[in-house]
Amino acid sequence: MSLKTLSEFNWSVMTPEFIILGVIALLTLLDLFMPKRLDRRILGWLSIAGIFAAIVSVVSLLSVEPTSILHDTFTLDTFGKAFKLLLLAGAGLVMFLAVSYEAKDGMEDYRGEFYYLFLTALLGAMFMTSSSDLITLFIGLELLSISSYILAGIRKHNLKSNESAMKYVINGGISTAITLFGMSYVYGLSGTTNLGEIANTLSMVADGQQAYLLGLAFLMILVGLSFKLASAPFHMWAPDVYQGAPTPVTAFLSVVSKTAGFVIVIRILIAVFYNAAPSGEGGSILFRMHDYLAFLAAATMIIGNVVALKQTNIKRMFAYSSIAHAGYLLVALTTMSSNMIFSVWFYLLAYMLMNLGAFAVIQVITEKSGSTKIADFAGLYRRSPVLAVTMGILLVSLAGFPGTAGFIGKLNIFVGAFYGEPHYVLASIMIATTVVSYFYYFGVMTQMFFRPARDESKFNVPFGIIVVLIVAVVGSILFGIAPNIALDFLNNLQ
């Protein structure tokens, strides 16, 4: 590719990625040459500034028409803009948690590494939102995954952190291999890696053998990406990783990484398999294979919520809660309603707010008690009424009570289950498992409001935690009362 060709590309559409990349390079150099005695939290604040600049950059691109560069491997479209804002907002809130995190087990020595590895994972997720080619999608996925493996085990002298990182690497490697094998079938059948060209080529599959191979590719890609989503029965790594990783990393995996996982699922399943229709047979591959998606959604909702009932560790409980919420999102993918993209985007927005707010409270409690047991929340209302009420609002939103963003998110998906061919079984399972979730969410509230406190000492809440809690609570209530704000925003995007 000549310099003249490169200069003709509209590079401004990649401005958010260039900003994050520049901040990563800056942090790497600063961490390398800064004296060891200086507090690395300053790098965290620089990261927050970089994320904010990237958000401003995305906002400035909202009115830009859909644009493709680099031979249609990178596309800035409505989908990319919407999900980039979601990823950047979630990353910014997680970074506020990170700068407030009191590092233990030697993590203080690697605090600088934490910040630029975190931004590297974010950069991979952002690339995935705008990728229109299997190669760039896979590169973004691996950039996110490899950085996440290191972040999960960044507390090198903590055995649980070491265990979580090892399980994450092994499961992640297996899922990557399966996903890549499925992608190779798609490439072999279409002769191209560009998603648009793949869709055109596979719109009329020539014979039954090719349709069989395409179905096999669908199953392998679905299984491989199911590991990334932590959907049942490929979820067993999640509880151990959530428990062993530092709290900011756990928050990152539960929100930002999960959002990126659904981004790549939507990109591949919709672009590749939605239009792939064997000649002479009714329906696309995606609709003919949707029973597998339905089974995955049902199993994920049931296993996630039921197993969460027996947890005594707050981070493991939220791991199974995260699995259950992945099941709700899979319902939206299964039903393929006309507002599927909005339902998924809004639910991920609501989940980001309520989950990160909950992890902010968890971080404060666990740092004070030195433990992650649910029993440590006993008497929180007596020790800190504001923290207890805040956590109560966020738990109610996670449970899906009316007046909260969590309720609107579940309602959108539930209504979508009756679009076209009604999915009565999935809708029934969704209602039943939501009721089950009340027991473990309200179990935490029982500890906070109705159990005596073991320790009467007060909490010192850092500034970063306060920012996250304010954004989370205000957002959860605002989007529960006025969800049209989000709908109007998406409708107004180019």
Protein backbone atom coordinates (compact mmCIF):
# COMPACT_ATOMS: atom_id res chain seq x y z
CA MET A 1 0.00 0.00 0.00
CA SER A 2 1.55 3.31 -1.08
CA LEU A 3 1.88 6.43 1.05
CA LYS A 4 -0.47 8.23 -1.33
CA THR A 5 -3.17 5.59 -0.72
CA LEU A 6 -2.66 5.81 3.03
CA SER A 7 -2.95 9.60 2.98
CA GLU A 8 -6.28 9.40 1.16
CA PHE A 9 -7.98 7.49 3.98
CA ASN A 10 -10.25 9.43 6.33
CA TRP A 11 -8.18 8.71 9.45
CA SER A 12 -10.34 11.02 11.58
CA VAL A 13 -12.85 8.18 12.07
CA MET A 14 -10.16 6.39 14.12
CA THR A 15 -9.47 9.39 16.38
CA PRO A 16 -10.85 7.69 19.56
CA GLU A 17 -8.58 4.67 18.99
CA PHE A 18 -5.57 6.93 18.30
CA ILE A 19 -6.20 8.82 21.55
CA ILE A 20 -6.28 5.61 23.62
CA LEU A 21 -3.20 4.29 21.78
CA GLY A 22 -1.33 7.55 22.46
CA VAL A 23 -2.22 7.42 26.16
CA ILE A 24 -1.04 3.78 26.33
CA ALA A 25 2.34 4.77 24.84
CA LEU A 26 2.62 7.74 27.21
CA LEU A 27 1.79 5.68 30.30
CA THR A 28 4.28 2.98 29.29
CA LEU A 29 7.11 5.49 29.03
CA LEU A 30 6.15 7.36 32.21
CA ASP A 31 5.92 4.13 34.21
CA LEU A 32 9.33 3.07 32.88
CA PHE A 33 11.18 6.28 33.76
CA MET A 34 9.28 7.55 36.83
CA PRO A 35 11.14 7.07 40.14
CA LYS A 36 9.82 4.09 42.11
CA ARG A 37 8.98 6.30 45.09
CA LEU A 38 6.34 8.27 43.16
CA ASP A 39 2.71 7.22 43.46
CA ARG A 40 1.53 5.62 40.21
CA ARG A 41 -2.04 6.84 40.80
CA ILE A 42 -1.14 9.87 38.68
CA LEU A 43 -1.05 7.46 35.72
CA GLY A 44 -4.60 6.43 36.57
CA TRP A 45 -5.78 10.03 36.44
CA LEU A 46 -4.03 10.46 33.08
CA SER A 47 -5.89 7.35 31.89
CA ILE A 48 -9.20 8.87 32.97
CA ALA A 49 -8.33 12.07 31.09
CA GLY A 50 -7.51 10.01 27.98
CA ILE A 51 -10.79 8.08 28.21
CA PHE A 52 -12.72 11.34 28.60
CA ALA A 53 -10.94 12.77 25.54
CA ALA A 54 -11.88 9.64 23.58
CA ILE A 55 -15.53 10.04 24.66
CA VAL A 56 -15.49 13.65 23.43
CA SER A 57 -13.97 12.42 20.17
CA VAL A 58 -16.73 9.83 19.66
CA VAL A 59 -19.38 12.46 20.42
CA SER A 60 -17.84 14.73 17.77
CA LEU A 61 -18.15 11.86 15.26
CA LEU A 62 -21.83 11.16 15.94
CA SER A 63 -22.99 13.23 12.98
CA VAL A 64 -20.47 11.65 10.56
CA GLU A 65 -21.97 9.41 7.88
CA PRO A 66 -21.00 5.71 8.01
CA THR A 67 -17.41 5.54 6.77
CA SER A 68 -15.13 2.62 5.89
CA ILE A 69 -11.34 2.77 5.59
CA LEU A 70 -8.46 0.33 5.11
CA HIS A 71 -10.29 -1.59 2.40
CA ASP A 72 -13.47 -1.95 4.46
CA THR A 73 -11.74 -3.57 7.44
CA PHE A 74 -12.61 -0.64 9.75
CA THR A 75 -16.09 0.88 9.63
CA LEU A 76 -17.46 3.72 11.72
CA ASP A 77 -21.22 3.16 11.72
CA THR A 78 -24.13 3.61 14.12
CA PHE A 79 -23.39 0.30 15.80
CA GLY A 80 -19.75 1.25 16.39
CA LYS A 81 -20.55 4.70 17.75
CA ALA A 82 -23.19 3.44 20.20
CA PHE A 83 -21.11 0.62 21.61
CA LYS A 84 -17.90 2.67 21.74
CA LEU A 85 -19.63 5.17 24.01
CA LEU A 86 -20.80 2.28 26.18
CA LEU A 87 -17.30 0.78 26.39
CA LEU A 88 -15.61 4.11 27.11
CA ALA A 89 -18.14 5.09 29.78
CA GLY A 90 -17.76 1.72 31.49
CA ALA A 91 -13.96 1.89 31.25
CA GLY A 92 -13.93 5.37 32.75
CA LEU A 93 -15.98 4.24 35.76
CA VAL A 94 -13.77 1.17 36.23
CA MET A 95 -10.70 3.41 36.15
CA PHE A 96 -12.20 5.50 38.98
CA LEU A 97 -12.46 2.24 40.94
CA ALA A 98 -8.85 1.42 40.07
CA VAL A 99 -7.37 4.71 41.29
CA SER A 100 -9.28 4.26 44.58
CA TYR A 101 -8.16 0.65 45.00
CA GLU A 102 -5.88 0.04 47.97
CA ALA A 103 -3.35 -2.35 46.45
CA LYS A 104 -2.31 -5.34 48.54
CA ASP A 105 -0.30 -8.52 47.98
CA GLY A 106 2.40 -6.60 46.13
CA MET A 107 0.12 -5.15 43.45
CA GLU A 108 1.41 -1.66 44.26
CA ASP A 109 4.60 -2.58 42.37
CA TYR A 110 2.54 -3.22 39.24
CA ARG A 111 -0.01 -0.42 39.50
CA GLY A 112 1.47 1.38 36.49
CA GLU A 113 1.27 -1.80 34.41
CA PHE A 114 -2.35 -2.20 35.44
CA TYR A 115 -3.36 1.12 33.90
CA TYR A 116 -1.82 0.67 30.46
CA LEU A 117 -2.81 -3.00 30.25
CA PHE A 118 -6.36 -1.95 31.05
CA LEU A 119 -6.31 0.64 28.25
CA THR A 120 -4.85 -1.96 25.87
CA ALA A 121 -7.82 -4.25 26.61
CA LEU A 122 -10.15 -1.29 26.04
CA LEU A 123 -8.46 -0.55 22.70
CA GLY A 124 -9.06 -4.14 21.57
CA ALA A 125 -12.74 -3.87 22.52
CA MET A 126 -13.08 -0.58 20.62
CA PHE A 127 -11.56 -2.11 17.49
CA MET A 128 -14.11 -4.92 17.67
CA THR A 129 -17.02 -2.47 17.57
CA SER A 130 -15.84 -1.06 14.22
CA SER A 131 -14.35 -4.20 12.67
CA SER A 132 -15.94 -5.32 9.42
CA ASP A 133 -13.42 -8.07 8.75
CA LEU A 134 -12.80 -11.41 10.48
CA ILE A 135 -9.08 -10.66 10.85
CA THR A 136 -9.51 -7.30 12.59
CA LEU A 137 -12.29 -8.76 14.74
CA PHE A 138 -9.97 -11.53 15.86
CA ILE A 139 -7.06 -9.14 16.50
CA GLY A 140 -9.32 -6.94 18.65
CA LEU A 141 -10.60 -10.00 20.52
CA GLU A 142 -7.08 -11.23 21.29
CA LEU A 143 -5.87 -7.77 22.30
CA LEU A 144 -8.71 -7.71 24.82
CA SER A 145 -8.24 -11.32 25.94
CA ILE A 146 -4.46 -11.36 26.45
CA SER A 147 -4.55 -8.11 28.43
CA SER A 148 -7.40 -9.53 30.55
CA TYR A 149 -5.40 -12.68 31.35
CA ILE A 150 -2.54 -10.57 32.72
CA LEU A 151 -4.87 -8.27 34.66
CA ALA A 152 -6.59 -11.24 36.32
CA GLY A 153 -3.25 -12.47 37.69
CA ILE A 154 -1.58 -9.13 38.34
CA ARG A 155 -1.36 -9.88 42.10
CA LYS A 156 1.58 -12.20 41.54
CA HIS A 157 1.95 -13.23 45.17
CA ASN A 158 -1.71 -14.08 45.74
CA LEU A 159 -2.52 -17.77 45.21
CA LYS A 160 -6.19 -17.16 44.32
CA SER A 161 -5.15 -14.57 41.76
CA ASN A 162 -2.64 -17.02 40.28
CA GLU A 163 -5.31 -19.73 40.11
CA SER A 164 -7.84 -17.41 38.49
CA ALA A 165 -5.35 -16.27 35.85
CA MET A 166 -4.35 -19.85 35.01
CA LYS A 167 -7.97 -20.98 34.61
CA TYR A 168 -8.73 -17.89 32.55
CA VAL A 169 -5.76 -18.48 30.21
CA ILE A 170 -6.57 -22.17 29.68
CA ASN A 171 -10.29 -21.61 29.06
CA GLY A 172 -9.58 -18.54 26.95
CA GLY A 173 -7.07 -20.41 24.81
CA ILE A 174 -9.51 -23.25 24.19
CA SER A 175 -12.32 -20.86 23.27
CA THR A 176 -10.04 -18.90 20.94
CA ALA A 177 -9.01 -22.08 19.13
CA ILE A 178 -12.62 -23.19 18.67
CA THR A 179 -13.69 -19.72 17.46
CA LEU A 180 -10.80 -19.51 15.01
CA PHE A 181 -11.58 -22.99 13.66
CA GLY A 182 -15.18 -21.90 13.00
CA MET A 183 -13.97 -18.72 11.29
CA SER A 184 -11.68 -20.79 9.05
CA TYR A 185 -14.73 -22.70 7.77
CA VAL A 186 -16.49 -19.42 7.00
CA TYR A 187 -13.42 -18.20 5.11
CA GLY A 188 -13.12 -21.49 3.25
CA LEU A 189 -16.74 -21.35 2.11
CA SER A 190 -16.72 -17.67 1.13
CA GLY A 191 -13.12 -17.08 0.00
CA THR A 192 -12.94 -13.75 1.84
CA THR A 193 -12.60 -12.37 5.37
CA ASN A 194 -14.65 -9.21 4.76
CA LEU A 195 -18.01 -9.49 6.55
CA GLY A 196 -19.95 -7.70 3.80
CA GLU A 197 -18.50 -9.89 1.07
CA ILE A 198 -19.09 -13.00 3.20
CA ALA A 199 -22.76 -12.04 3.58
CA ASN A 200 -23.14 -11.60 -0.19
CA THR A 201 -21.33 -14.84 -1.02
CA LEU A 202 -23.24 -16.96 1.48
CA SER A 203 -26.66 -15.49 0.70
CA MET A 204 -27.24 -18.46 -1.60
CA VAL A 205 -25.25 -21.49 -0.48
CA ALA A 206 -24.88 -23.86 -3.42
CA ASP A 207 -25.57 -27.28 -1.93
CA GLY A 208 -26.36 -29.27 1.20
CA GLN A 209 -22.71 -30.09 1.97
CA GLN A 210 -21.81 -26.42 2.14
CA ALA A 211 -24.87 -25.75 4.32
CA TYR A 212 -23.73 -28.55 6.65
CA LEU A 213 -20.23 -27.03 6.94
CA LEU A 214 -21.75 -23.60 7.54
CA GLY A 215 -23.90 -25.02 10.33
CA LEU A 216 -20.79 -26.59 11.83
CA ALA A 217 -19.01 -23.23 11.63
CA PHE A 218 -21.96 -21.57 13.38
CA LEU A 219 -21.80 -24.06 16.26
CA MET A 220 -18.02 -23.71 16.70
CA ILE A 221 -18.13 -19.92 16.67
CA LEU A 222 -21.09 -19.95 19.07
CA VAL A 223 -19.34 -22.33 21.48
CA GLY A 224 -16.06 -20.41 21.30
CA LEU A 225 -17.70 -17.05 21.97
CA SER A 226 -19.90 -18.55 24.70
CA PHE A 227 -16.73 -18.94 26.78
CA LYS A 228 -16.11 -15.21 26.37
CA LEU A 229 -19.68 -14.41 27.44
CA ALA A 230 -19.48 -16.84 30.40
CA SER A 231 -22.74 -18.44 29.32
CA ALA A 232 -23.66 -21.90 30.60
CA PRO A 233 -22.38 -24.56 30.24
CA PHE A 234 -19.11 -22.77 29.39
CA HIS A 235 -19.14 -20.59 32.50
CA MET A 236 -17.07 -22.51 35.03
CA TRP A 237 -14.04 -20.22 34.80
CA ALA A 238 -16.02 -17.10 35.75
CA PRO A 239 -16.62 -17.58 39.52
CA ASP A 240 -12.96 -18.40 40.24
CA VAL A 241 -11.67 -15.54 38.07
CA TYR A 242 -14.12 -13.04 39.59
CA GLN A 243 -13.12 -14.12 43.10
CA GLY A 244 -9.36 -14.18 42.56
CA ALA A 245 -8.93 -11.02 40.48
CA PRO A 246 -8.65 -7.55 42.09
CA THR A 247 -12.05 -5.87 42.40
CA PRO A 248 -11.46 -3.32 39.58
CA VAL A 249 -10.48 -6.19 37.26
CA THR A 250 -13.59 -8.13 38.28
CA ALA A 251 -15.70 -5.05 37.51
CA PHE A 252 -13.96 -4.71 34.14
CA LEU A 253 -14.57 -8.36 33.23
CA SER A 254 -18.22 -8.22 34.27
CA VAL A 255 -19.06 -5.10 32.27
CA VAL A 256 -16.55 -3.96 29.64
CA SER A 257 -15.35 -7.42 28.62
CA LYS A 258 -18.91 -8.78 28.52
CA THR A 259 -20.05 -5.85 26.38
CA ALA A 260 -17.20 -6.55 23.95
CA GLY A 261 -18.22 -10.21 23.88
CA PHE A 262 -21.73 -9.35 22.78
CA VAL A 263 -20.32 -6.92 20.21
CA ILE A 264 -18.40 -9.67 18.43
CA VAL A 265 -21.33 -12.10 18.73
CA ILE A 266 -23.67 -9.62 17.05
CA ARG A 267 -21.10 -8.66 14.40
CA ILE A 268 -20.41 -12.27 13.35
CA LEU A 269 -23.80 -13.91 13.82
CA ILE A 270 -25.76 -11.14 12.15
CA ALA A 271 -23.32 -10.33 9.35
CA VAL A 272 -22.38 -13.91 8.48
CA PHE A 273 -25.25 -16.22 9.37
CA TYR A 274 -28.31 -13.96 9.15
CA ASN A 275 -28.06 -13.78 5.35
CA ALA A 276 -26.67 -17.28 4.78
CA ALA A 277 -29.55 -19.25 3.29
CA PRO A 278 -29.15 -22.64 1.55
CA SER A 279 -30.82 -22.60 -1.85
CA GLY A 280 -34.10 -24.43 -1.97
CA GLU A 281 -34.49 -24.42 1.81
CA GLY A 282 -36.47 -21.93 3.88
CA GLY A 283 -34.84 -19.55 6.33
CA SER A 284 -31.28 -18.48 6.99
CA ILE A 285 -28.74 -20.54 8.92
CA LEU A 286 -29.22 -18.30 11.96
CA PHE A 287 -32.98 -18.89 12.13
CA ARG A 288 -32.62 -22.60 11.46
CA MET A 289 -30.05 -22.90 14.29
CA HIS A 290 -31.82 -20.62 16.75
CA ASP A 291 -32.85 -23.59 18.92
CA TYR A 292 -29.22 -23.86 20.02
CA LEU A 293 -29.23 -20.20 21.01
CA ALA A 294 -32.50 -20.73 22.89
CA PHE A 295 -31.04 -23.70 24.80
CA LEU A 296 -27.96 -21.65 25.65
CA ALA A 297 -30.09 -18.75 26.91
CA ALA A 298 -32.36 -20.98 29.02
CA ALA A 299 -29.48 -22.95 30.56
CA THR A 300 -27.56 -19.75 31.32
CA MET A 301 -30.51 -18.09 33.08
CA ILE A 302 -31.32 -21.19 35.13
CA ILE A 303 -27.79 -22.17 36.15
CA GLY A 304 -26.68 -18.61 36.86
CA ASN A 305 -29.59 -17.75 39.13
CA VAL A 306 -29.97 -21.11 40.89
CA VAL A 307 -26.28 -21.56 41.74
CA ALA A 308 -26.07 -17.94 42.95
CA LEU A 309 -28.52 -18.84 45.74
CA LYS A 310 -25.91 -20.97 47.52
CA GLN A 311 -23.00 -18.52 47.38
CA THR A 312 -21.51 -17.05 50.55
CA ASN A 313 -18.84 -15.01 48.76
CA ILE A 314 -20.09 -11.71 47.33
CA LYS A 315 -17.79 -11.78 44.28
CA ARG A 316 -18.74 -15.36 43.40
CA MET A 317 -22.40 -14.43 43.82
CA PHE A 318 -21.95 -11.54 41.38
CA ALA A 319 -20.14 -13.90 39.01
CA TYR A 320 -23.20 -16.13 38.83
CA SER A 321 -25.38 -13.02 38.63
CA SER A 322 -23.30 -11.94 35.62
CA ILE A 323 -23.86 -15.38 34.06
CA ALA A 324 -27.61 -14.99 34.58
CA HIS A 325 -27.63 -11.54 32.95
CA ALA A 326 -25.75 -12.99 29.96
CA GLY A 327 -28.69 -15.41 29.68
CA TYR A 328 -31.19 -12.54 29.54
CA LEU A 329 -29.16 -10.92 26.74
CA LEU A 330 -29.04 -14.22 24.86
CA VAL A 331 -32.84 -14.21 24.90
CA ALA A 332 -32.73 -11.00 22.86
CA LEU A 333 -30.31 -12.60 20.38
CA THR A 334 -32.49 -15.71 20.12
CA THR A 335 -35.74 -13.89 19.39
CA MET A 336 -34.16 -11.55 16.79
CA SER A 337 -36.84 -8.91 17.30
CA SER A 338 -36.86 -5.71 15.25
CA ASN A 339 -35.43 -3.75 18.20
CA MET A 340 -32.85 -6.39 19.16
CA ILE A 341 -29.83 -4.07 18.86
CA PHE A 342 -31.52 -1.42 21.02
CA SER A 343 -32.60 -4.02 23.61
CA VAL A 344 -29.06 -5.37 23.92
CA TRP A 345 -27.49 -1.90 24.00
CA PHE A 346 -29.91 -0.56 26.60
CA TYR A 347 -29.57 -3.65 28.79
CA LEU A 348 -25.77 -3.41 28.69
CA LEU A 349 -26.05 0.29 29.59
CA ALA A 350 -28.28 -0.48 32.58
CA TYR A 351 -26.09 -3.43 33.59
CA MET A 352 -22.96 -1.27 33.40
CA LEU A 353 -24.44 1.31 35.76
CA MET A 354 -25.91 -1.01 38.38
CA ASN A 355 -23.07 -3.53 38.37
CA LEU A 356 -20.22 -1.02 38.57
CA GLY A 357 -22.03 0.81 41.37
CA ALA A 358 -22.42 -2.46 43.25
CA PHE A 359 -18.72 -3.28 42.78
CA ALA A 360 -17.81 0.17 44.10
CA VAL A 361 -19.60 -0.66 47.36
CA ILE A 362 -18.08 -4.16 47.38
CA GLN A 363 -14.61 -2.64 47.01
CA VAL A 364 -15.14 -0.35 50.01
CA ILE A 365 -16.49 -3.17 52.21
CA THR A 366 -13.91 -5.80 51.25
CA GLU A 367 -10.96 -3.44 51.71
CA LYS A 368 -12.23 -2.56 55.19
CA SER A 369 -12.95 -6.13 56.29
CA GLY A 370 -10.20 -7.92 54.38
CA SER A 371 -12.76 -10.51 53.28
CA THR A 372 -15.26 -10.98 50.46
CA LYS A 373 -17.95 -12.81 52.43
CA ILE A 374 -21.57 -11.68 52.17
CA ALA A 375 -21.71 -11.74 55.98
CA ASP A 376 -19.33 -8.75 56.01
CA PHE A 377 -22.24 -6.59 54.80
CA ALA A 378 -24.07 -7.18 58.10
CA GLY A 379 -25.15 -3.93 59.75
CA LEU A 380 -23.98 -1.73 56.88
CA TYR A 381 -26.99 0.56 57.37
CA ARG A 382 -25.85 1.36 60.93
CA ARG A 383 -22.26 1.97 59.86
CA SER A 384 -22.96 3.92 56.66
CA PRO A 385 -26.62 4.61 55.78
CA VAL A 386 -25.66 6.24 52.46
CA LEU A 387 -23.66 3.23 51.27
CA ALA A 388 -26.43 0.85 52.37
CA VAL A 389 -29.21 2.79 50.62
CA THR A 390 -27.07 3.17 47.49
CA MET A 391 -26.35 -0.55 47.39
CA GLY A 392 -30.04 -1.25 48.00
CA ILE A 393 -31.08 0.85 44.97
CA LEU A 394 -28.52 -0.91 42.76
CA LEU A 395 -29.60 -4.37 43.94
CA VAL A 396 -33.24 -3.50 43.27
CA SER A 397 -32.25 -2.44 39.76
CA LEU A 398 -30.29 -5.67 39.23
CA ALA A 399 -33.37 -7.60 40.37
CA GLY A 400 -35.46 -5.73 37.80
CA PHE A 401 -37.94 -3.80 39.94
CA PRO A 402 -40.12 -1.13 38.26
CA GLY A 403 -38.74 2.39 38.28
CA THR A 404 -35.18 1.26 37.58
CA ALA A 405 -33.12 0.84 34.42
CA GLY A 406 -32.84 -2.89 35.10
CA PHE A 407 -36.62 -3.27 34.85
CA ILE A 408 -36.80 -1.42 31.51
CA GLY A 409 -33.94 -3.52 30.15
CA LYS A 410 -35.65 -6.79 31.04
CA LEU A 411 -39.02 -5.49 29.82
CA ASN A 412 -37.56 -4.69 26.38
CA ILE A 413 -36.17 -8.21 26.06
CA PHE A 414 -39.34 -9.82 27.42
CA VAL A 415 -41.57 -7.96 24.95
CA GLY A 416 -39.16 -8.83 22.14
CA ALA A 417 -39.62 -12.54 22.96
CA PHE A 418 -43.12 -12.29 21.46
CA TYR A 419 -41.95 -10.71 18.19
CA GLY A 420 -42.70 -12.84 15.14
CA GLU A 421 -42.79 -16.44 16.34
CA PRO A 422 -43.52 -16.18 20.10
CA HIS A 423 -41.01 -17.80 22.47
CA TYR A 424 -43.30 -18.63 25.36
CA VAL A 425 -40.89 -21.03 27.05
CA LEU A 426 -37.99 -18.57 27.04
CA ALA A 427 -40.24 -15.77 28.32
CA SER A 428 -41.53 -18.04 31.12
CA ILE A 429 -38.00 -19.06 32.13
CA MET A 430 -36.97 -15.41 32.13
CA ILE A 431 -39.78 -14.50 34.54
CA ALA A 432 -39.16 -17.52 36.78
CA THR A 433 -35.40 -16.96 37.04
CA THR A 434 -35.90 -13.25 37.68
CA VAL A 435 -38.06 -14.20 40.68
CA VAL A 436 -35.32 -16.58 41.84
CA SER A 437 -32.79 -13.73 41.66
CA TYR A 438 -34.80 -11.78 44.23
CA PHE A 439 -33.75 -14.26 46.91
CA TYR A 440 -30.00 -13.74 46.64
CA TYR A 441 -30.17 -10.00 45.92
CA PHE A 442 -32.49 -9.46 48.87
CA GLY A 443 -30.30 -11.75 50.96
CA VAL A 444 -27.59 -9.09 50.71
CA MET A 445 -30.14 -6.41 51.62
CA THR A 446 -31.21 -8.46 54.64
CA GLN A 447 -27.59 -8.46 55.82
CA MET A 448 -27.27 -4.70 55.33
CA PHE A 449 -30.51 -3.58 56.96
CA PHE A 450 -31.60 -6.28 59.42
CA ARG A 451 -28.43 -7.89 60.80
CA PRO A 452 -26.31 -6.49 63.64
CA ALA A 453 -22.92 -5.05 62.69
CA ARG A 454 -19.83 -6.94 63.77
CA ASP A 455 -17.80 -3.74 63.64
CA GLU A 456 -19.16 -0.26 64.36
CA SER A 457 -16.31 1.63 62.68
CA LYS A 458 -17.15 4.04 59.88
CA PHE A 459 -16.01 3.97 56.26
CA ASN A 460 -13.68 6.33 54.46
CA VAL A 461 -15.10 6.51 50.93
CA PRO A 462 -12.52 7.72 48.33
CA PHE A 463 -13.39 10.35 45.73
CA GLY A 464 -13.29 7.86 42.85
CA ILE A 465 -15.83 5.60 44.57
CA ILE A 466 -18.14 8.57 45.20
CA VAL A 467 -18.06 9.48 41.48
CA VAL A 468 -18.96 5.92 40.45
CA LEU A 469 -21.79 5.68 42.99
CA ILE A 470 -23.34 9.00 41.94
CA VAL A 471 -23.23 8.12 38.24
CA ALA A 472 -24.55 4.60 38.88
CA VAL A 473 -27.48 5.57 41.09
CA VAL A 474 -28.53 8.62 39.05
CA GLY A 475 -28.27 6.64 35.81
CA SER A 476 -30.16 3.62 37.15
CA ILE A 477 -33.05 5.81 38.30
CA LEU A 478 -33.00 8.21 35.32
CA PHE A 479 -33.12 5.46 32.67
CA GLY A 480 -35.74 3.65 34.70
CA ILE A 481 -38.05 6.67 34.74
CA ALA A 482 -37.17 8.15 31.32
CA PRO A 483 -35.82 5.36 29.08
CA ASN A 484 -36.75 7.36 25.99
CA ILE A 485 -33.58 9.39 26.53
CA ALA A 486 -31.54 6.37 25.43
CA LEU A 487 -34.00 5.43 22.66
CA ASP A 488 -33.98 8.95 21.21
CA PHE A 489 -30.18 8.99 21.35
CA LEU A 490 -29.91 5.81 19.28
CA ASN A 491 -32.58 6.93 16.83
CA ASN A 492 -30.76 10.21 16.23
CA LEU A 493 -27.46 8.53 15.38
CA GLN A 494 -26.46 8.58 11.72
